[in-house]
Amino acid sequence: MPGARWFTSSYSTGNGGGGSCVEVAFVGRTVAVRDTKDRAGGMLTIPGAAWSHLLSHVAR
């Protein structure tokens, strides 16, 4: 995703990246998710509404 600004959780190991974590990028109404250890290995794209639904379930 050219131009995407990727974010890693502050809870990641290795000072914000490189550990056992994922990165997310918000692009329009879509959320992209990729593995921090294999950034070139592809990504999963999720509609923003589905991402919000997932986060609400995880928070519970």
PDB file of N, CA and C in Angstrom:
ATOM      1  N   MET A   1       0.832  -1.160   0.000  1.00  0.00           N
ATOM      2  CA  MET A   1       0.000   0.000   0.000  1.00  0.00           C
ATOM      3  C   MET A   1       0.887   1.236   0.000  1.00  0.00           C
ATOM      4  N   PRO A   2       1.172   1.747  -1.154  1.00  0.00           N
ATOM      5  CA  PRO A   2       2.054   2.911  -1.240  1.00  0.00           C
ATOM      6  C   PRO A   2       1.494   4.105  -0.471  1.00  0.00           C
ATOM      7  N   GLY A   3       2.335   4.756   0.267  1.00  0.00           N
ATOM      8  CA  GLY A   3       1.943   5.939   1.012  1.00  0.00           C
ATOM      9  C   GLY A   3       1.233   5.667   2.325  1.00  0.00           C
ATOM     10  N   ALA A   4       1.016   4.404   2.660  1.00  0.00           N
ATOM     11  CA  ALA A   4       0.345   4.078   3.923  1.00  0.00           C
ATOM     12  C   ALA A   4       1.265   4.393   5.090  1.00  0.00           C
ATOM     13  N   ARG A   5       0.703   4.922   6.144  1.00  0.00           N
ATOM     14  CA  ARG A   5       1.467   5.197   7.367  1.00  0.00           C
ATOM     15  C   ARG A   5       1.148   4.084   8.354  1.00  0.00           C
ATOM     16  N   TRP A   6       2.134   3.250   8.632  1.00  0.00           N
ATOM     17  CA  TRP A   6       1.954   2.062   9.465  1.00  0.00           C
ATOM     18  C   TRP A   6       2.192   2.392  10.925  1.00  0.00           C
ATOM     19  N   PHE A   7       1.383   1.778  11.796  1.00  0.00           N
ATOM     20  CA  PHE A   7       1.481   1.963  13.242  1.00  0.00           C
ATOM     21  C   PHE A   7       1.650   0.610  13.911  1.00  0.00           C
ATOM     22  N   THR A   8       2.491   0.586  14.934  1.00  0.00           N
ATOM     23  CA  THR A   8       2.698  -0.604  15.747  1.00  0.00           C
ATOM     24  C   THR A   8       2.322  -0.254  17.180  1.00  0.00           C
ATOM     25  N   SER A   9       1.724  -1.171  17.876  1.00  0.00           N
ATOM     26  CA  SER A   9       1.319  -0.941  19.256  1.00  0.00           C
ATOM     27  C   SER A   9       2.520  -0.595  20.141  1.00  0.00           C
ATOM     28  N   SER A  10       2.288   0.270  21.089  1.00  0.00           N
ATOM     29  CA  SER A  10       3.344   0.594  22.053  1.00  0.00           C
ATOM     30  C   SER A  10       3.636  -0.583  22.970  1.00  0.00           C
ATOM     31  N   TYR A  11       2.780  -1.604  22.953  1.00  0.00           N
ATOM     32  CA  TYR A  11       2.994  -2.811  23.739  1.00  0.00           C
ATOM     33  C   TYR A  11       3.890  -3.813  23.021  1.00  0.00           C
ATOM     34  N   SER A  12       4.318  -3.503  21.805  1.00  0.00           N
ATOM     35  CA  SER A  12       5.188  -4.401  21.037  1.00  0.00           C
ATOM     36  C   SER A  12       6.525  -4.551  21.722  1.00  0.00           C
ATOM     37  N   THR A  13       7.157  -5.704  21.494  1.00  0.00           N
ATOM     38  CA  THR A  13       8.520  -5.870  21.987  1.00  0.00           C
ATOM     39  C   THR A  13       9.460  -5.163  21.028  1.00  0.00           C
ATOM     40  N   GLY A  14      10.637  -4.865  21.465  1.00  0.00           N
ATOM     41  CA  GLY A  14      11.624  -4.236  20.590  1.00  0.00           C
ATOM     42  C   GLY A  14      11.357  -2.775  20.330  1.00  0.00           C
ATOM     43  N   ASN A  15      10.813  -2.046  21.327  1.00  0.00           N
ATOM     44  CA  ASN A  15      10.606  -0.612  21.218  1.00  0.00           C
ATOM     45  C   ASN A  15       9.687  -0.230  20.067  1.00  0.00           C
ATOM     46  N   GLY A  16       8.538  -0.875  19.964  1.00  0.00           N
ATOM     47  CA  GLY A  16       7.542  -0.472  18.997  1.00  0.00           C
ATOM     48  C   GLY A  16       7.584  -1.190  17.669  1.00  0.00           C
ATOM     49  N   GLY A  17       8.276  -2.265  17.547  1.00  0.00           N
ATOM     50  CA  GLY A  17       8.280  -3.001  16.285  1.00  0.00           C
ATOM     51  C   GLY A  17       9.282  -4.131  16.302  1.00  0.00           C
ATOM     52  N   GLY A  18       9.167  -4.993  15.325  1.00  0.00           N
ATOM     53  CA  GLY A  18      10.132  -6.067  15.169  1.00  0.00           C
ATOM     54  C   GLY A  18       9.897  -7.276  16.043  1.00  0.00           C
ATOM     55  N   GLY A  19       8.991  -7.167  17.007  1.00  0.00           N
ATOM     56  CA  GLY A  19       8.725  -8.307  17.869  1.00  0.00           C
ATOM     57  C   GLY A  19       7.595  -9.147  17.317  1.00  0.00           C
ATOM     58  N   SER A  20       6.894  -9.771  18.211  1.00  0.00           N
ATOM     59  CA  SER A  20       5.751 -10.604  17.829  1.00  0.00           C
ATOM     60  C   SER A  20       4.508  -9.740  17.793  1.00  0.00           C
ATOM     61  N   CYS A  21       4.383  -8.974  16.743  1.00  0.00           N
ATOM     62  CA  CYS A  21       3.295  -8.014  16.683  1.00  0.00           C
ATOM     63  C   CYS A  21       2.850  -7.791  15.242  1.00  0.00           C
ATOM     64  N   VAL A  22       1.804  -7.018  15.105  1.00  0.00           N
ATOM     65  CA  VAL A  22       1.329  -6.628  13.785  1.00  0.00           C
ATOM     66  C   VAL A  22       1.359  -5.109  13.695  1.00  0.00           C
ATOM     67  N   GLU A  23       1.323  -4.618  12.479  1.00  0.00           N
ATOM     68  CA  GLU A  23       1.216  -3.191  12.213  1.00  0.00           C
ATOM     69  C   GLU A  23      -0.101  -2.953  11.498  1.00  0.00           C
ATOM     70  N   VAL A  24      -0.664  -1.780  11.704  1.00  0.00           N
ATOM     71  CA  VAL A  24      -1.888  -1.415  11.005  1.00  0.00           C
ATOM     72  C   VAL A  24      -1.703  -0.083  10.303  1.00  0.00           C
ATOM     73  N   ALA A  25      -2.417   0.077   9.207  1.00  0.00           N
ATOM     74  CA  ALA A  25      -2.449   1.342   8.479  1.00  0.00           C
ATOM     75  C   ALA A  25      -3.904   1.640   8.158  1.00  0.00           C
ATOM     76  N   PHE A  26      -4.294   2.890   8.325  1.00  0.00           N
ATOM     77  CA  PHE A  26      -5.658   3.316   8.032  1.00  0.00           C
ATOM     78  C   PHE A  26      -5.636   4.042   6.694  1.00  0.00           C
ATOM     79  N   VAL A  27      -6.302   3.463   5.712  1.00  0.00           N
ATOM     80  CA  VAL A  27      -6.305   4.004   4.359  1.00  0.00           C
ATOM     81  C   VAL A  27      -7.759   4.173   3.932  1.00  0.00           C
ATOM     82  N   GLY A  28      -8.223   5.405   3.954  1.00  0.00           N
ATOM     83  CA  GLY A  28      -9.628   5.638   3.648  1.00  0.00           C
ATOM     84  C   GLY A  28     -10.506   4.939   4.665  1.00  0.00           C
ATOM     85  N   ARG A  29     -11.426   4.110   4.176  1.00  0.00           N
ATOM     86  CA  ARG A  29     -12.319   3.360   5.060  1.00  0.00           C
ATOM     87  C   ARG A  29     -11.843   1.927   5.266  1.00  0.00           C
ATOM     88  N   THR A  30     -10.586   1.678   4.964  1.00  0.00           N
ATOM     89  CA  THR A  30     -10.017   0.334   5.056  1.00  0.00           C
ATOM     90  C   THR A  30      -8.870   0.330   6.060  1.00  0.00           C
ATOM     91  N   VAL A  31      -8.726  -0.789   6.758  1.00  0.00           N
ATOM     92  CA  VAL A  31      -7.600  -0.992   7.666  1.00  0.00           C
ATOM     93  C   VAL A  31      -6.755  -2.117   7.084  1.00  0.00           C
ATOM     94  N   ALA A  32      -5.457  -1.873   6.951  1.00  0.00           N
ATOM     95  CA  ALA A  32      -4.522  -2.891   6.474  1.00  0.00           C
ATOM     96  C   ALA A  32      -3.726  -3.402   7.671  1.00  0.00           C
ATOM     97  N   VAL A  33      -3.482  -4.701   7.703  1.00  0.00           N
ATOM     98  CA  VAL A  33      -2.754  -5.332   8.808  1.00  0.00           C
ATOM     99  C   VAL A  33      -1.643  -6.189   8.218  1.00  0.00           C
ATOM    100  N   ARG A  34      -0.430  -6.070   8.773  1.00  0.00           N
ATOM    101  CA  ARG A  34       0.694  -6.890   8.308  1.00  0.00           C
ATOM    102  C   ARG A  34       1.561  -7.309   9.487  1.00  0.00           C
ATOM    103  N   ASP A  35       2.351  -8.334   9.270  1.00  0.00           N
ATOM    104  CA  ASP A  35       3.259  -8.881  10.277  1.00  0.00           C
ATOM    105  C   ASP A  35       4.513  -8.016  10.340  1.00  0.00           C
ATOM    106  N   THR A  36       4.928  -7.619  11.536  1.00  0.00           N
ATOM    107  CA  THR A  36       6.129  -6.796  11.665  1.00  0.00           C
ATOM    108  C   THR A  36       7.395  -7.537  11.268  1.00  0.00           C
ATOM    109  N   LYS A  37       7.364  -8.872  11.353  1.00  0.00           N
ATOM    110  CA  LYS A  37       8.559  -9.652  11.005  1.00  0.00           C
ATOM    111  C   LYS A  37       8.647  -9.952   9.513  1.00  0.00           C
ATOM    112  N   ASP A  38       7.565  -9.722   8.776  1.00  0.00           N
ATOM    113  CA  ASP A  38       7.551 -10.028   7.342  1.00  0.00           C
ATOM    114  C   ASP A  38       6.737  -8.966   6.607  1.00  0.00           C
ATOM    115  N   ARG A  39       7.218  -7.746   6.645  1.00  0.00           N
ATOM    116  CA  ARG A  39       6.487  -6.618   6.071  1.00  0.00           C
ATOM    117  C   ARG A  39       6.252  -6.749   4.575  1.00  0.00           C
ATOM    118  N   ALA A  40       7.133  -7.432   3.880  1.00  0.00           N
ATOM    119  CA  ALA A  40       6.975  -7.617   2.434  1.00  0.00           C
ATOM    120  C   ALA A  40       6.100  -8.824   2.110  1.00  0.00           C
ATOM    121  N   GLY A  41       5.675  -9.559   3.118  1.00  0.00           N
ATOM    122  CA  GLY A  41       4.938 -10.802   2.914  1.00  0.00           C
ATOM    123  C   GLY A  41       3.460 -10.640   2.634  1.00  0.00           C
ATOM    124  N   GLY A  42       2.998  -9.450   2.469  1.00  0.00           N
ATOM    125  CA  GLY A  42       1.595  -9.228   2.184  1.00  0.00           C
ATOM    126  C   GLY A  42       0.854  -8.663   3.378  1.00  0.00           C
ATOM    127  N   MET A  43      -0.421  -8.382   3.168  1.00  0.00           N
ATOM    128  CA  MET A  43      -1.228  -7.777   4.219  1.00  0.00           C
ATOM    129  C   MET A  43      -2.664  -8.239   4.091  1.00  0.00           C
ATOM    130  N   LEU A  44      -3.383  -8.063   5.140  1.00  0.00           N
ATOM    131  CA  LEU A  44      -4.799  -8.344   5.187  1.00  0.00           C
ATOM    132  C   LEU A  44      -5.500  -6.993   5.195  1.00  0.00           C
ATOM    133  N   THR A  45      -6.496  -6.810   4.338  1.00  0.00           N
ATOM    134  CA  THR A  45      -7.263  -5.567   4.370  1.00  0.00           C
ATOM    135  C   THR A  45      -8.661  -5.861   4.894  1.00  0.00           C
ATOM    136  N   ILE A  46      -9.129  -4.970   5.757  1.00  0.00           N
ATOM    137  CA  ILE A  46     -10.382  -5.159   6.468  1.00  0.00           C
ATOM    138  C   ILE A  46     -11.197  -3.868   6.367  1.00  0.00           C
ATOM    139  N   PRO A  47     -12.488  -3.965   6.063  1.00  0.00           N
ATOM    140  CA  PRO A  47     -13.318  -2.755   6.101  1.00  0.00           C
ATOM    141  C   PRO A  47     -13.277  -2.130   7.498  1.00  0.00           C
ATOM    142  N   GLY A  48     -13.262  -0.818   7.555  1.00  0.00           N
ATOM    143  CA  GLY A  48     -13.169  -0.120   8.832  1.00  0.00           C
ATOM    144  C   GLY A  48     -14.230  -0.525   9.839  1.00  0.00           C
ATOM    145  N   ALA A  49     -15.463  -0.748   9.380  1.00  0.00           N
ATOM    146  CA  ALA A  49     -16.543  -1.143  10.295  1.00  0.00           C
ATOM    147  C   ALA A  49     -16.255  -2.508  10.916  1.00  0.00           C
ATOM    148  N   ALA A  50     -15.724  -3.428  10.136  1.00  0.00           N
ATOM    149  CA  ALA A  50     -15.380  -4.755  10.658  1.00  0.00           C
ATOM    150  C   ALA A  50     -14.243  -4.654  11.666  1.00  0.00           C
ATOM    151  N   TRP A  51     -13.275  -3.780  11.407  1.00  0.00           N
ATOM    152  CA  TRP A  51     -12.159  -3.559  12.334  1.00  0.00           C
ATOM    153  C   TRP A  51     -12.691  -3.043  13.679  1.00  0.00           C
ATOM    154  N   SER A  52     -13.586  -2.070  13.635  1.00  0.00           N
ATOM    155  CA  SER A  52     -14.174  -1.532  14.865  1.00  0.00           C
ATOM    156  C   SER A  52     -14.919  -2.612  15.631  1.00  0.00           C
ATOM    157  N   HIS A  53     -15.649  -3.452  14.913  1.00  0.00           N
ATOM    158  CA  HIS A  53     -16.388  -4.554  15.539  1.00  0.00           C
ATOM    159  C   HIS A  53     -15.422  -5.531  16.213  1.00  0.00           C
ATOM    160  N   LEU A  54     -14.336  -5.871  15.529  1.00  0.00           N
ATOM    161  CA  LEU A  54     -13.323  -6.761  16.097  1.00  0.00           C
ATOM    162  C   LEU A  54     -12.739  -6.172  17.374  1.00  0.00           C
ATOM    163  N   LEU A  55     -12.340  -4.915  17.331  1.00  0.00           N
ATOM    164  CA  LEU A  55     -11.738  -4.279  18.508  1.00  0.00           C
ATOM    165  C   LEU A  55     -12.700  -4.235  19.689  1.00  0.00           C
ATOM    166  N   SER A  56     -13.985  -4.021  19.419  1.00  0.00           N
ATOM    167  CA  SER A  56     -14.954  -3.982  20.538  1.00  0.00           C
ATOM    168  C   SER A  56     -15.063  -5.349  21.191  1.00  0.00           C
ATOM    169  N   HIS A  57     -14.989  -6.431  20.400  1.00  0.00           N
ATOM    170  CA  HIS A  57     -15.037  -7.771  20.971  1.00  0.00           C
ATOM    171  C   HIS A  57     -13.757  -8.115  21.722  1.00  0.00           C
ATOM    172  N   VAL A  58     -12.622  -7.701  21.205  1.00  0.00           N
ATOM    173  CA  VAL A  58     -11.355  -7.964  21.874  1.00  0.00           C
ATOM    174  C   VAL A  58     -11.290  -7.212  23.209  1.00  0.00           C
ATOM    175  N   ALA A  59     -11.812  -6.010  23.248  1.00  0.00           N
ATOM    176  CA  ALA A  59     -11.773  -5.200  24.463  1.00  0.00           C
ATOM    177  C   ALA A  59     -12.606  -5.806  25.592  1.00  0.00           C
ATOM    178  N   ARG A  60     -13.630  -6.558  25.222  1.00  0.00           N
ATOM    179  CA  ARG A  60     -14.466  -7.191  26.251  1.00  0.00           C
ATOM    180  C   ARG A  60     -13.736  -8.336  26.841  1.00  0.00           C
TER     181      ARG A  60
END
